[in-house]
Amino acid sequence: MIFQRTLKNTIRCTGIGLHSGKKVYLSLRPAPVNTGIVFHRTDMKGALVPAKVQNVVDTRLCSSIANQDGVRVSTVEHLLAAFAGLGVNNAYVDLDGPEIPIMDGSAAPFVFLIQCAGVVQQKAYKRWIRVKKAVSVSHGNKKATFEPCDRFRVSFLIDFDHPLLSEQGEELDITETTFIKEISRARTFGFLKEVEQLRSNGLAQGGSLDNAIVMGDFRILNEGGLRYEKEFVRHKMIDAIGDLYLLGHPVIGHFKGIRSGHALNNMLLRKLLSHANAWEFVEGEQVAQLLQGENPALQTDNPVPMEALTPAMGLSA
């Protein structure tokens, strides 16, 4: 897994935007080495928007990016998390609207699409960002931290003033297998009492029980209940993994989030990049040496079969 990876084939889907409520046609296409993940607004001329931390322009309830011409793509985090989880470095993402479709509210549909398209190795080394020194940002009782680690590890803690979410925490080493099995199916969530306020502000126009966990005052309103015991915090881990992939490279380090959201995650990335002594690129022979130590962050996992995802998502190959 020390070489860059892209998609083998182009694959397409359609869905609605969570916040816009508009129908979107989406295509995932192969890309050459060193391209990164690049979004392409097909409804606008010359509208290429690279997935880079410097391009983040809005972090209200999602991560939105834009190019120098102001062309915007919103809610990129779940798709970016799927690319990160499956080790895809280079891809073009075509869409004919301002927002990535929400699908079922998790990263699993995008994992399914990537697996259907296939992933191929390219003839160039992959570059990792390895965290060398701890970096942290905070705002009130929220905090996000990078610490050195010999793998990619994510820890997260959430708590809300709600009987179902008083406190929930999780910590996982992120590999292809753990991402798909333990995290990818966790859905976004919200509170019924906040829905009308969000919609009056032009948000959550496409939200429904089909693409989010909705909580009333004392219970979950979704008929099927939860997919994981800790689905709420695991979805926050999806968000973080997607946000971190805006670095443009996979990470070797430990991310710790305490009530963190898109805004604080972005602040952490910018602070890390601004401290040249806190990180370094590793690739090629450096990575090969790490592989000798059986580093989980750099190993190729046995892919989880598509059949394991398909029934839960109502999709077919």
Protein backbone atom coordinates (compact mmCIF):
# COMPACT_ATOMS: atom_id res chain seq x y z
CA MET A 1 0.00 0.00 0.00
CA ILE A 2 3.03 2.29 -0.39
CA PHE A 3 1.96 3.26 -3.92
CA GLN A 4 -0.72 5.75 -4.91
CA ARG A 5 -4.15 4.40 -5.82
CA THR A 6 -7.00 5.51 -8.05
CA LEU A 7 -10.25 4.08 -9.36
CA LYS A 8 -10.23 1.39 -12.02
CA ASN A 9 -13.46 2.53 -13.69
CA THR A 10 -15.92 5.41 -13.65
CA ILE A 11 -19.06 4.91 -11.60
CA ARG A 12 -22.18 7.06 -11.25
CA CYS A 13 -25.05 7.58 -8.84
CA THR A 14 -27.73 10.08 -7.95
CA GLY A 15 -29.11 11.40 -4.68
CA ILE A 16 -30.25 14.53 -2.87
CA GLY A 17 -28.28 17.10 -0.93
CA LEU A 18 -28.86 17.04 2.82
CA HIS A 19 -28.96 20.81 3.17
CA SER A 20 -30.04 21.93 -0.32
CA GLY A 21 -32.66 19.19 -0.80
CA LYS A 22 -31.77 19.22 -4.52
CA LYS A 23 -31.20 16.17 -6.73
CA VAL A 24 -27.55 15.67 -7.66
CA TYR A 25 -25.89 13.46 -10.29
CA LEU A 26 -22.47 12.26 -9.14
CA SER A 27 -19.64 10.49 -10.99
CA LEU A 28 -16.38 9.16 -9.56
CA ARG A 29 -13.57 8.92 -12.16
CA PRO A 30 -9.94 7.71 -12.23
CA ALA A 31 -7.23 10.38 -12.05
CA PRO A 32 -3.46 10.44 -12.78
CA VAL A 33 -0.82 10.26 -10.05
CA ASN A 34 -0.42 13.31 -7.81
CA THR A 35 -3.86 14.65 -8.75
CA GLY A 36 -5.40 14.24 -5.32
CA ILE A 37 -9.18 14.37 -4.94
CA VAL A 38 -10.59 17.05 -7.24
CA PHE A 39 -14.27 18.03 -7.41
CA HIS A 40 -15.69 19.19 -10.74
CA ARG A 41 -18.92 21.17 -10.95
CA THR A 42 -20.21 20.05 -14.36
CA ASP A 43 -22.93 22.72 -14.24
CA MET A 44 -20.32 25.49 -14.29
CA LYS A 45 -17.43 26.29 -16.64
CA GLY A 46 -13.89 25.65 -15.41
CA ALA A 47 -15.20 24.67 -12.03
CA LEU A 48 -12.46 22.47 -10.55
CA VAL A 49 -12.24 22.50 -6.75
CA PRO A 50 -9.32 20.55 -5.22
CA ALA A 51 -9.99 18.94 -1.84
CA LYS A 52 -7.49 20.97 0.17
CA VAL A 53 -7.63 22.44 3.65
CA GLN A 54 -6.84 25.89 2.23
CA ASN A 55 -10.05 25.71 0.17
CA VAL A 56 -12.40 25.24 3.13
CA VAL A 57 -14.76 28.24 3.21
CA ASP A 58 -17.62 27.11 5.47
CA THR A 59 -17.89 24.64 8.35
CA ARG A 60 -21.51 25.07 9.45
CA LEU A 61 -22.87 21.51 9.89
CA CYS A 62 -20.60 20.27 7.07
CA SER A 63 -17.31 21.01 5.31
CA SER A 64 -17.64 23.22 2.23
CA ILE A 65 -14.79 23.99 -0.15
CA ALA A 66 -14.45 26.54 -2.95
CA ASN A 67 -11.93 27.58 -5.58
CA GLN A 68 -10.59 31.08 -6.24
CA ASP A 69 -13.58 31.84 -8.47
CA GLY A 70 -16.00 31.11 -5.64
CA VAL A 71 -17.26 27.82 -7.08
CA ARG A 72 -18.39 25.82 -4.06
CA VAL A 73 -18.93 22.15 -3.18
CA SER A 74 -20.53 21.33 0.17
CA THR A 75 -20.85 18.25 2.43
CA VAL A 76 -17.65 16.68 1.13
CA GLU A 77 -16.67 14.89 4.36
CA HIS A 78 -18.45 11.52 3.98
CA LEU A 79 -17.11 10.91 0.46
CA LEU A 80 -13.62 12.03 1.48
CA ALA A 81 -13.77 9.65 4.45
CA ALA A 82 -14.59 6.77 2.08
CA PHE A 83 -11.64 7.69 -0.16
CA ALA A 84 -9.39 7.85 2.90
CA GLY A 85 -10.69 4.60 4.36
CA LEU A 86 -10.12 2.70 1.11
CA GLY A 87 -6.76 4.31 0.41
CA VAL A 88 -7.74 6.16 -2.78
CA ASN A 89 -5.38 9.08 -3.40
CA ASN A 90 -6.41 10.30 -6.83
CA ALA A 91 -9.93 10.75 -8.24
CA TYR A 92 -12.17 13.21 -10.04
CA VAL A 93 -15.61 13.78 -8.54
CA ASP A 94 -18.11 15.19 -11.05
CA LEU A 95 -21.37 16.65 -9.77
CA ASP A 96 -24.01 18.91 -11.32
CA GLY A 97 -24.91 20.82 -8.18
CA PRO A 98 -23.48 22.53 -5.11
CA GLU A 99 -23.58 19.60 -2.69
CA ILE A 100 -22.49 15.95 -2.50
CA PRO A 101 -25.60 13.75 -2.13
CA ILE A 102 -26.22 12.59 1.42
CA MET A 103 -27.18 9.03 0.36
CA ASP A 104 -28.13 7.19 3.59
CA GLY A 105 -26.25 9.62 5.85
CA SER A 106 -23.14 7.48 6.21
CA ALA A 107 -19.98 6.72 4.23
CA ALA A 108 -21.10 3.19 3.33
CA PRO A 109 -22.78 4.02 -0.03
CA PHE A 110 -19.56 5.71 -1.17
CA VAL A 111 -17.54 2.68 -0.03
CA PHE A 112 -19.88 0.54 -2.12
CA LEU A 113 -19.43 2.78 -5.18
CA ILE A 114 -15.63 2.74 -4.84
CA GLN A 115 -15.60 -1.05 -4.49
CA CYS A 116 -17.84 -1.38 -7.56
CA ALA A 117 -15.51 0.87 -9.56
CA GLY A 118 -12.46 -1.02 -8.34
CA VAL A 119 -9.20 0.37 -7.01
CA VAL A 120 -5.87 0.12 -8.86
CA GLN A 121 -2.28 0.78 -7.83
CA GLN A 122 -0.34 3.50 -9.65
CA LYS A 123 3.36 3.86 -10.45
CA ALA A 124 4.21 6.50 -7.88
CA TYR A 125 4.86 6.42 -4.16
CA LYS A 126 2.12 7.49 -1.79
CA ARG A 127 3.08 10.26 0.65
CA TRP A 128 1.96 10.26 4.26
CA ILE A 129 1.98 13.16 6.68
CA ARG A 130 3.57 11.88 9.87
CA VAL A 131 2.89 13.87 13.03
CA LYS A 132 6.14 14.50 14.91
CA LYS A 133 4.99 16.81 17.72
CA ALA A 134 1.67 17.33 19.46
CA VAL A 135 -0.50 20.14 18.12
CA SER A 136 -3.80 21.19 19.66
CA VAL A 137 -6.62 23.72 19.22
CA SER A 138 -9.58 24.42 21.46
CA HIS A 139 -12.70 26.54 21.74
CA GLY A 140 -14.64 26.54 24.99
CA ASN A 141 -15.09 22.91 26.03
CA LYS A 142 -14.20 21.63 22.53
CA LYS A 143 -10.73 20.38 21.66
CA ALA A 144 -8.90 18.71 18.76
CA THR A 145 -5.37 17.34 18.96
CA PHE A 146 -2.78 15.60 16.84
CA GLU A 147 -0.21 13.46 18.65
CA PRO A 148 2.64 11.30 17.29
CA CYS A 149 1.72 7.65 16.72
CA ASP A 150 3.09 4.84 14.55
CA ARG A 151 -0.31 4.36 12.86
CA PHE A 152 -3.48 6.30 12.09
CA ARG A 153 -5.58 6.30 15.23
CA VAL A 154 -8.77 8.25 15.92
CA SER A 155 -10.26 8.93 19.35
CA PHE A 156 -13.48 10.85 19.85
CA LEU A 157 -15.68 11.90 22.76
CA ILE A 158 -19.12 13.48 22.48
CA ASP A 159 -21.75 14.49 25.01
CA PHE A 160 -25.08 16.25 24.59
CA ASP A 161 -27.83 17.38 26.91
CA HIS A 162 -29.98 14.42 25.88
CA PRO A 163 -30.77 11.16 27.71
CA LEU A 164 -29.48 9.07 24.79
CA LEU A 165 -26.25 11.04 24.35
CA SER A 166 -25.06 12.07 27.80
CA GLU A 167 -21.55 10.83 26.89
CA GLN A 168 -20.13 8.50 24.24
CA GLY A 169 -16.50 7.77 23.36
CA GLU A 170 -14.55 5.52 21.01
CA GLU A 171 -10.95 4.91 19.92
CA LEU A 172 -9.87 2.86 16.88
CA ASP A 173 -6.81 2.23 14.74
CA ILE A 174 -8.05 3.07 11.25
CA THR A 175 -7.29 0.53 8.53
CA GLU A 176 -9.36 -0.40 5.51
CA THR A 177 -10.99 -3.23 7.42
CA THR A 178 -11.79 -1.28 10.58
CA PHE A 179 -13.09 1.67 8.59
CA ILE A 180 -15.50 -0.47 6.57
CA LYS A 181 -16.64 -2.77 9.35
CA GLU A 182 -16.61 -0.53 12.40
CA ILE A 183 -17.29 3.00 11.14
CA SER A 184 -18.52 3.37 7.55
CA ARG A 185 -22.22 2.60 8.20
CA ALA A 186 -22.64 5.15 11.03
CA ARG A 187 -25.18 7.80 10.01
CA THR A 188 -25.41 11.50 10.66
CA PHE A 189 -27.83 12.44 13.44
CA GLY A 190 -29.95 15.29 14.68
CA PHE A 191 -32.66 16.31 17.11
CA LEU A 192 -36.30 16.64 16.06
CA LYS A 193 -36.70 19.89 18.02
CA GLU A 194 -33.93 21.50 15.92
CA VAL A 195 -35.25 20.48 12.50
CA GLU A 196 -37.61 23.45 12.00
CA GLN A 197 -34.95 25.93 13.06
CA LEU A 198 -32.43 24.41 10.63
CA ARG A 199 -34.92 24.48 7.78
CA SER A 200 -35.87 28.08 8.47
CA ASN A 201 -32.16 28.88 8.07
CA GLY A 202 -32.02 27.10 4.71
CA LEU A 203 -30.36 23.95 6.09
CA ALA A 204 -31.42 20.28 6.28
CA GLN A 205 -33.88 20.74 3.40
CA GLY A 206 -33.25 17.16 2.25
CA GLY A 207 -33.04 15.55 5.68
CA SER A 208 -35.31 12.62 6.52
CA LEU A 209 -35.45 9.38 8.47
CA ASP A 210 -33.94 7.75 5.36
CA ASN A 211 -30.66 9.64 5.67
CA ALA A 212 -30.25 10.56 9.34
CA ILE A 213 -30.83 9.31 12.85
CA VAL A 214 -33.53 11.56 14.32
CA MET A 215 -33.99 11.77 18.08
CA GLY A 216 -37.10 12.91 19.87
CA ASP A 217 -37.05 13.95 23.51
CA PHE A 218 -36.58 10.41 24.80
CA ARG A 219 -36.20 8.00 21.90
CA ILE A 220 -34.83 7.37 18.42
CA LEU A 221 -37.54 7.86 15.81
CA ASN A 222 -35.99 5.65 13.12
CA GLU A 223 -37.91 2.39 12.81
CA GLY A 224 -34.78 0.23 12.49
CA GLY A 225 -32.94 1.72 15.46
CA LEU A 226 -29.15 1.97 15.47
CA ARG A 227 -26.61 0.17 13.29
CA TYR A 228 -23.83 0.26 15.91
CA GLU A 229 -23.91 0.41 19.68
CA LYS A 230 -21.97 3.69 19.47
CA GLU A 231 -23.26 4.92 16.13
CA PHE A 232 -23.34 8.59 17.16
CA VAL A 233 -19.66 8.91 18.07
CA ARG A 234 -18.64 6.67 15.18
CA HIS A 235 -20.31 9.04 12.76
CA LYS A 236 -18.31 11.89 14.29
CA MET A 237 -15.23 9.78 13.53
CA ILE A 238 -16.34 9.57 9.88
CA ASP A 239 -16.62 13.35 9.80
CA ALA A 240 -13.15 13.74 11.32
CA ILE A 241 -11.54 11.25 8.92
CA GLY A 242 -13.09 13.08 5.97
CA ASP A 243 -12.01 16.46 7.31
CA LEU A 244 -8.45 15.22 7.89
CA TYR A 245 -8.22 14.00 4.29
CA LEU A 246 -8.35 17.66 3.26
CA LEU A 247 -4.64 17.60 4.09
CA GLY A 248 -4.35 15.89 0.70
CA HIS A 249 -2.46 12.95 2.20
CA PRO A 250 -3.14 10.13 4.67
CA VAL A 251 -1.96 10.68 8.23
CA ILE A 252 0.33 8.72 10.50
CA GLY A 253 -0.62 10.07 13.89
CA HIS A 254 -3.28 10.08 16.58
CA PHE A 255 -6.24 12.43 16.20
CA LYS A 256 -8.17 13.15 19.39
CA GLY A 257 -11.46 14.98 19.23
CA ILE A 258 -13.41 16.15 22.26
CA ARG A 259 -16.77 17.57 21.14
CA SER A 260 -14.93 18.70 18.03
CA GLY A 261 -16.68 19.60 14.79
CA HIS A 262 -15.78 20.65 11.26
CA ALA A 263 -14.63 24.13 12.29
CA LEU A 264 -12.21 22.93 14.96
CA ASN A 265 -10.97 20.08 12.76
CA ASN A 266 -10.09 22.60 10.07
CA MET A 267 -8.36 24.85 12.59
CA LEU A 268 -6.25 21.89 13.71
CA LEU A 269 -5.16 21.08 10.14
CA ARG A 270 -4.15 24.67 9.50
CA LYS A 271 -2.21 24.84 12.76
CA LEU A 272 -0.39 21.57 12.00
CA LEU A 273 0.67 22.80 8.55
CA SER A 274 1.83 26.12 10.00
CA HIS A 275 4.28 24.36 12.34
CA ALA A 276 6.91 22.86 10.04
CA ASN A 277 8.64 21.08 12.92
CA ALA A 278 5.43 19.26 13.93
CA TRP A 279 5.15 17.06 10.83
CA GLU A 280 7.01 15.56 7.90
CA PHE A 281 6.33 13.71 4.67
CA VAL A 282 7.27 10.02 4.56
CA GLU A 283 7.29 7.85 1.45
CA GLY A 284 9.20 5.17 -0.45
CA GLU A 285 12.06 3.62 1.51
CA GLN A 286 10.99 5.35 4.72
CA VAL A 287 7.61 3.68 4.44
CA ALA A 288 9.19 0.36 3.48
CA GLN A 289 11.13 0.45 6.76
CA LEU A 290 7.93 1.08 8.67
CA LEU A 291 6.32 -1.83 6.84
CA GLN A 292 8.94 -4.15 8.26
CA GLY A 293 7.50 -3.36 11.65
CA GLU A 294 4.03 -4.42 10.46
CA ASN A 295 2.61 -0.96 10.90
CA PRO A 296 -1.20 -1.28 10.67
CA ALA A 297 -1.51 2.18 9.10
CA LEU A 298 0.49 1.08 6.07
CA GLN A 299 -0.63 -2.48 5.52
CA THR A 300 -2.94 -3.66 2.76
CA ASP A 301 -6.05 -5.16 4.30
CA ASN A 302 -8.22 -7.90 2.89
CA PRO A 303 -11.12 -5.92 1.45
CA VAL A 304 -14.53 -6.40 2.96
CA PRO A 305 -16.81 -7.96 0.30
CA MET A 306 -19.48 -5.72 -1.21
CA GLU A 307 -22.12 -8.21 -0.14
CA ALA A 308 -21.46 -7.21 3.46
CA LEU A 309 -22.55 -3.65 2.69
CA THR A 310 -25.24 -4.04 0.03
CA PRO A 311 -28.16 -5.40 2.07
CA ALA A 312 -27.86 -2.68 4.66
CA MET A 313 -27.93 0.09 2.08
CA GLY A 314 -30.60 -1.17 -0.30
CA LEU A 315 -28.14 -1.03 -3.20
CA SER A 316 -27.21 -3.56 -5.82
CA ALA A 317 -24.14 -3.97 -7.96
